[in-house]
Amino acid sequence: MDYPPTIFQTPTYLAAYRRAFGRGKNFHRLAVHTGGVSGGAWLISRGSALRRLEWWGAGIHDIGGATLSDAAAAAPLWAQLQQLAATCDGTHLAHMAAASPLVPLARESGWTILPAEPCPVAALAPTWDEYLKSLGKNRREQLKRYPKRLKKEFTVEYELATDDAQMQRALTDLFSLHGKRWRARGQTGVLALPSRQKFHRALCTKLLHQDRLRLWSLRCNGKTACVLLSYFYRERYAFFIGGFEPELMRWSVGTCLFSRVLQEAIAEGATEFDFLRGQEEYKYRLGAVDREYVSLQWFAPTVKGRLLEKRVALETAAMNKLHHTFGAAHIAKGNG
């Protein structure tokens, strides 16, 4: 069976993506309902000269994949997927669970299985004290000591966005803080484009009203020091992105806010905290272990198929380099 469905496979996320980035794309929904089992997959095809098939949401979300109620649904779903893939010059299904029953079917069909960047995931204990005991002594002490140290130096406010005004303010601060670190490295940042900011504002508005948004801000003396954007779905937190004020880096504001967010996650019954893509050290210090992912590829044995294969390889290498160099690692620097 696939891992449980993530927020990225929900109708809310899929619809927001289509509204924001649907131009020039064809959207496909595959579904299986037979013998008491069900499955689904959401994909897009795009490109004129070179037609490619990808997950619905590719380029924005961190995790792709199908939803399967049982492994028995994998084979009929895979048959549909192959039929759709045959209408394109190539298929690149990035970042799906390595344990998915679709993976061996792809291998048997002659598809290429590539390792993808793992997603560190922390199992959450029933109580904060139990969670702290699962960590190393140094990190355990930091999670308790750093917030106290911060309060001695500043007037500290922690705020979870619970209405539209708070959400809009937090997102504006997030876009600004995240951009500061990228600009310091000569890059614009993944949140710099107006289209992406518009998408996240629209998506967060929907998720806020569904009680699935966990957008936290930390302010010191009234100035926003750190913002962390997470989603809460099916007892699972997914940390998507964050930003912090470089001038306050020495106060480990990232660690302070993560301490608060993790406490709240445990209090509302979350069983795991998924840090999504990126193997930054701070995630492992917070108790995360790798969850393995793979990417599936198939390219038509044609000139167009070979050209698309080269293009996808170049794009993937560029994106991986960009992510490793400028991605969520900026949060780690504020984590002490």
Foldseek 3Di string as FASTA:
>chain_A
DFDADDPCPDPLNLVLLCVLPVPQKDKDKFWDDPPNKIKIFIWIWGDDLFIEIEGRQPPHDQAGDMDIPDLVHQVVRLVVVVVVQVVGQKYKYPHGFPPRSNVVVLVVVVWDKFWDFWWWKFFADLAPVVLLVLFDPVLSVCLVPLLVVLVVVFPKDKDWDQDLVSVVVLLVVFLVQLQVLQVVVVHRGPCNDPSNSVSVSSSQVVQSVVVFWGWMFMDTNNHTAKIWTWTADPLEIETDAMGGDPVCLVSLVLSNNVSVVSNVSSVVRRGMYIPRGDDAPVSVSSRIDTRITIMIMDGDPDPSRVVVVVVVVVVVVVVVVCCHVSNRNNSVSSRD
